Amino acid sequence: MPAAALKDYYQTLEVSPSATPDEIKKAYRALAFKYHPDTNPDNAFAHTHFVAIQEAYSILSHEHKRRKYDEERWLNGMSNRTKEQPVISAAWLLQEARRLQAHMHTIDTYRMSHSALHDYVMLLLADSHMAILQQDNENNTAIVHELLQSTRHLKHQYMQPLADRMALLVPTDNDMLIRIHKQTRRSYLQALWEKYLPLLILLIALLLCGLMVLY
């Protein structure tokens, strides 16, 4: 399994790397019930997370597969065999969104990598994370607020897909939906301005040349 593609199955099952087989089984049963698609008809990402939970359990519940996975995980730098990985939760995602916002205050947003910022926010809003946030939506408004602050200078081509995901987190919060729409609209108008500015400059230059010839 390539290092870049290695998933943290312990995070998925919300257990520590030192969890016993019984703890893993208990966590799997609780999460499988919590995110089963049949019990989450309004959670658009529940099925994706449910599949991820099943995949994680299939590895961690098998002694040989778990041992092999632990070795790959260690080599990939995801663990030093003692450091615990954080459990992915709505509170943790809010914390990460706040950390991103604090980081964005320290960089030149006009020279930043727009694609890198887009990729990081999409990582925070990955399908499995969206499933968790739709299940436990207490922090969703705060998370969207932080992400909007962090992406306020993002180019439209990167902003639009993020806006679509953010809107799914606050479907009944009209004020936040309006903020998302306004920021997306602003990025769209900025993109139009940047696209047609050279043409506008050329037209003005031609007009000035014409006036100079006439007068």
Protein backbone atom coordinates (compact mmCIF):
# COMPACT_ATOMS: atom_id res chain seq x y z
CA MET A 1 0.00 0.00 0.00
CA PRO A 2 1.58 3.33 -1.00
CA ALA A 3 2.42 5.56 1.95
CA ALA A 4 0.37 8.45 0.64
CA ALA A 5 -2.72 6.26 0.44
CA LEU A 6 -2.39 4.67 3.88
CA LYS A 7 -5.48 5.26 5.97
CA ASP A 8 -5.59 5.53 9.75
CA TYR A 9 -7.98 2.75 10.65
CA TYR A 10 -7.59 3.49 14.36
CA GLN A 11 -8.94 6.98 13.80
CA THR A 12 -11.79 5.57 11.75
CA LEU A 13 -12.85 3.24 14.58
CA GLU A 14 -12.11 5.92 17.21
CA VAL A 15 -9.77 3.68 19.18
CA SER A 16 -6.13 3.94 20.18
CA PRO A 17 -3.41 1.92 18.42
CA SER A 18 -3.08 -0.10 21.63
CA ALA A 19 -6.76 -1.10 21.68
CA THR A 20 -7.53 -4.72 22.49
CA PRO A 21 -9.49 -6.95 20.08
CA ASP A 22 -12.55 -6.63 22.34
CA GLU A 23 -12.28 -2.83 22.35
CA ILE A 24 -12.01 -2.81 18.56
CA LYS A 25 -15.05 -5.06 18.21
CA LYS A 26 -17.06 -2.92 20.64
CA ALA A 27 -16.11 0.28 18.81
CA TYR A 28 -16.96 -1.26 15.45
CA ARG A 29 -20.41 -2.39 16.57
CA ALA A 30 -21.24 1.02 18.03
CA LEU A 31 -20.08 2.94 14.97
CA ALA A 32 -21.62 0.52 12.47
CA PHE A 33 -24.97 0.98 14.18
CA LYS A 34 -24.52 4.76 14.46
CA TYR A 35 -23.63 5.26 10.78
CA HIS A 36 -25.62 2.49 9.11
CA PRO A 37 -27.32 4.01 6.03
CA ASP A 38 -30.70 2.55 7.02
CA THR A 39 -30.66 4.54 10.26
CA ASN A 40 -29.32 7.71 8.60
CA PRO A 41 -31.58 8.50 5.65
CA ASP A 42 -30.83 12.23 6.01
CA ASN A 43 -27.06 11.84 6.27
CA ALA A 44 -25.75 11.97 2.70
CA PHE A 45 -22.31 10.73 3.71
CA ALA A 46 -23.30 8.00 6.18
CA HIS A 47 -22.88 5.22 3.62
CA THR A 48 -19.34 6.32 2.76
CA HIS A 49 -18.34 6.40 6.42
CA PHE A 50 -20.08 3.08 7.07
CA VAL A 51 -17.98 1.48 4.32
CA ALA A 52 -14.83 3.02 5.82
CA ILE A 53 -15.75 1.59 9.23
CA GLN A 54 -16.22 -1.88 7.75
CA GLU A 55 -12.88 -1.62 5.93
CA ALA A 56 -11.08 -0.59 9.11
CA TYR A 57 -12.63 -3.41 11.10
CA SER A 58 -11.74 -5.99 8.46
CA ILE A 59 -8.07 -5.08 8.96
CA LEU A 60 -7.88 -4.44 12.70
CA SER A 61 -9.95 -7.48 13.67
CA HIS A 62 -7.61 -9.83 11.83
CA GLU A 63 -4.41 -10.50 13.79
CA HIS A 64 -2.09 -10.98 10.81
CA LYS A 65 -3.58 -8.10 8.79
CA ARG A 66 -3.39 -5.80 11.80
CA ARG A 67 0.26 -6.63 12.45
CA LYS A 68 1.14 -5.95 8.81
CA TYR A 69 -0.89 -2.74 8.84
CA ASP A 70 0.84 -1.56 12.03
CA GLU A 71 4.21 -2.00 10.35
CA GLU A 72 3.12 0.00 7.30
CA ARG A 73 1.62 2.64 9.56
CA TRP A 74 4.85 2.95 11.51
CA LEU A 75 6.96 3.21 8.37
CA ASN A 76 4.59 5.82 7.00
CA GLY A 77 5.24 8.00 10.03
CA MET A 78 1.65 7.91 11.25
CA SER A 79 2.82 6.49 14.55
CA ASN A 80 6.03 6.18 16.52
CA ARG A 81 4.54 3.23 18.45
CA THR A 82 3.93 5.45 21.48
CA LYS A 83 2.21 8.59 20.25
CA GLU A 84 -1.58 8.35 20.21
CA GLN A 85 -3.49 9.62 17.18
CA PRO A 86 -6.41 11.99 17.81
CA VAL A 87 -9.92 10.64 17.46
CA ILE A 88 -11.78 12.23 14.57
CA SER A 89 -14.80 14.02 16.03
CA ALA A 90 -16.83 17.18 15.43
CA ALA A 91 -14.90 18.89 18.24
CA TRP A 92 -11.55 17.88 16.71
CA LEU A 93 -12.60 19.14 13.26
CA LEU A 94 -13.61 22.48 14.81
CA GLN A 95 -10.21 22.64 16.48
CA GLU A 96 -8.48 21.98 13.15
CA ALA A 97 -10.61 24.64 11.43
CA ARG A 98 -9.56 27.14 14.10
CA ARG A 99 -5.91 26.17 13.71
CA LEU A 100 -6.20 26.75 9.97
CA GLN A 101 -7.75 30.16 10.54
CA ALA A 102 -4.94 31.11 12.93
CA HIS A 103 -2.37 29.93 10.38
CA MET A 104 -3.94 31.97 7.58
CA HIS A 105 -3.36 35.11 9.66
CA THR A 106 0.38 34.48 9.52
CA ILE A 107 0.82 34.15 5.74
CA ASP A 108 0.58 36.41 2.72
CA THR A 109 -2.79 35.37 1.33
CA TYR A 110 -2.00 36.97 -2.02
CA ARG A 111 0.99 34.67 -2.52
CA MET A 112 -0.48 31.53 -0.96
CA SER A 113 -1.00 28.26 -2.79
CA HIS A 114 -4.71 28.28 -3.59
CA SER A 115 -4.66 24.62 -4.58
CA ALA A 116 -2.96 23.61 -1.31
CA LEU A 117 -5.53 25.50 0.77
CA HIS A 118 -8.35 23.93 -1.24
CA ASP A 119 -6.90 20.44 -0.77
CA TYR A 120 -6.52 20.92 2.99
CA VAL A 121 -10.08 22.16 3.47
CA MET A 122 -11.36 19.31 1.30
CA LEU A 123 -9.44 16.96 3.58
CA LEU A 124 -11.25 18.42 6.58
CA LEU A 125 -14.53 18.05 4.69
CA ALA A 126 -13.83 14.53 3.40
CA ASP A 127 -16.83 12.21 3.08
CA SER A 128 -16.10 10.39 6.33
CA HIS A 129 -15.73 13.68 8.18
CA MET A 130 -18.93 15.00 6.62
CA ALA A 131 -20.75 11.93 7.89
CA ILE A 132 -19.54 12.66 11.41
CA LEU A 133 -20.52 16.33 11.15
CA GLN A 134 -23.97 15.55 9.81
CA GLN A 135 -24.46 13.09 12.66
CA ASP A 136 -23.17 15.51 15.32
CA ASN A 137 -23.95 18.97 13.96
CA GLU A 138 -23.53 21.03 17.12
CA ASN A 139 -20.27 22.61 15.89
CA ASN A 140 -21.13 22.92 12.21
CA THR A 141 -21.92 26.64 12.21
CA ALA A 142 -18.67 27.41 14.01
CA ILE A 143 -16.70 25.19 11.63
CA VAL A 144 -18.18 26.86 8.55
CA HIS A 145 -17.48 30.28 10.06
CA GLU A 146 -13.80 29.42 10.54
CA LEU A 147 -13.50 27.92 7.06
CA LEU A 148 -15.11 30.94 5.43
CA GLN A 149 -12.59 33.17 7.19
CA SER A 150 -9.73 30.99 6.03
CA THR A 151 -10.90 30.88 2.39
CA ARG A 152 -12.01 34.48 1.92
CA HIS A 153 -9.22 35.13 -0.62
CA LEU A 154 -9.53 31.78 -2.40
CA LYS A 155 -9.97 31.81 -6.16
CA HIS A 156 -13.41 30.92 -7.46
CA GLN A 157 -12.37 27.67 -9.13
CA TYR A 158 -11.29 26.40 -5.69
CA MET A 159 -13.98 28.15 -3.65
CA GLN A 160 -17.05 26.75 -5.41
CA PRO A 161 -16.61 23.06 -4.46
CA LEU A 162 -15.80 24.04 -0.87
CA ALA A 163 -18.89 26.23 -0.70
CA ASP A 164 -21.06 23.32 -1.83
CA ARG A 165 -19.72 21.17 1.02
CA MET A 166 -20.06 23.91 3.61
CA ALA A 167 -23.68 24.47 2.61
CA LEU A 168 -24.42 20.81 3.33
CA LEU A 169 -23.28 21.34 6.92
CA VAL A 170 -25.71 24.21 7.62
CA PRO A 171 -28.79 23.47 5.48
CA THR A 172 -31.20 25.31 7.81
CA ASP A 173 -28.96 28.20 8.88
CA ASN A 174 -30.08 30.93 6.48
CA ASP A 175 -27.61 33.51 7.74
CA MET A 176 -24.68 31.17 7.18
CA LEU A 177 -26.00 30.07 3.79
CA ILE A 178 -26.18 33.73 2.76
CA ARG A 179 -22.57 34.23 3.90
CA ILE A 180 -21.47 31.23 1.86
CA HIS A 181 -23.33 32.53 -1.19
CA LYS A 182 -21.91 36.04 -0.83
CA GLN A 183 -18.35 34.79 -0.51
CA THR A 184 -18.75 32.50 -3.51
CA ARG A 185 -20.31 35.31 -5.51
CA ARG A 186 -17.47 37.63 -4.56
CA SER A 187 -14.89 35.09 -5.71
CA TYR A 188 -16.81 34.70 -8.98
CA LEU A 189 -16.83 38.44 -9.65
CA GLN A 190 -13.14 38.63 -8.82
CA ALA A 191 -12.47 35.85 -11.31
CA LEU A 192 -14.40 37.75 -13.99
CA TRP A 193 -12.47 40.92 -13.21
CA GLU A 194 -9.13 39.15 -13.50
CA LYS A 195 -10.22 37.46 -16.73
CA TYR A 196 -11.38 40.59 -18.54
CA LEU A 197 -9.00 43.16 -17.04
CA PRO A 198 -6.37 42.70 -19.81
CA LEU A 199 -9.07 43.21 -22.44
CA LEU A 200 -10.31 46.32 -20.65
CA ILE A 201 -6.79 47.73 -20.52
CA LEU A 202 -6.35 47.01 -24.22
CA LEU A 203 -9.61 48.77 -25.09
CA ILE A 204 -8.65 51.81 -23.03
CA ALA A 205 -5.25 51.91 -24.70
CA LEU A 206 -6.86 51.72 -28.16
CA LEU A 207 -9.31 54.46 -27.20
CA LEU A 208 -6.51 56.73 -26.02
CA CYS A 209 -4.56 56.07 -29.20
CA GLY A 210 -7.63 56.93 -31.24
CA LEU A 211 -8.14 60.16 -29.35
CA MET A 212 -4.50 61.11 -29.85
CA VAL A 213 -4.86 60.58 -33.59
CA LEU A 214 -8.03 62.64 -33.77
CA TYR A 215 -6.77 65.49 -31.66
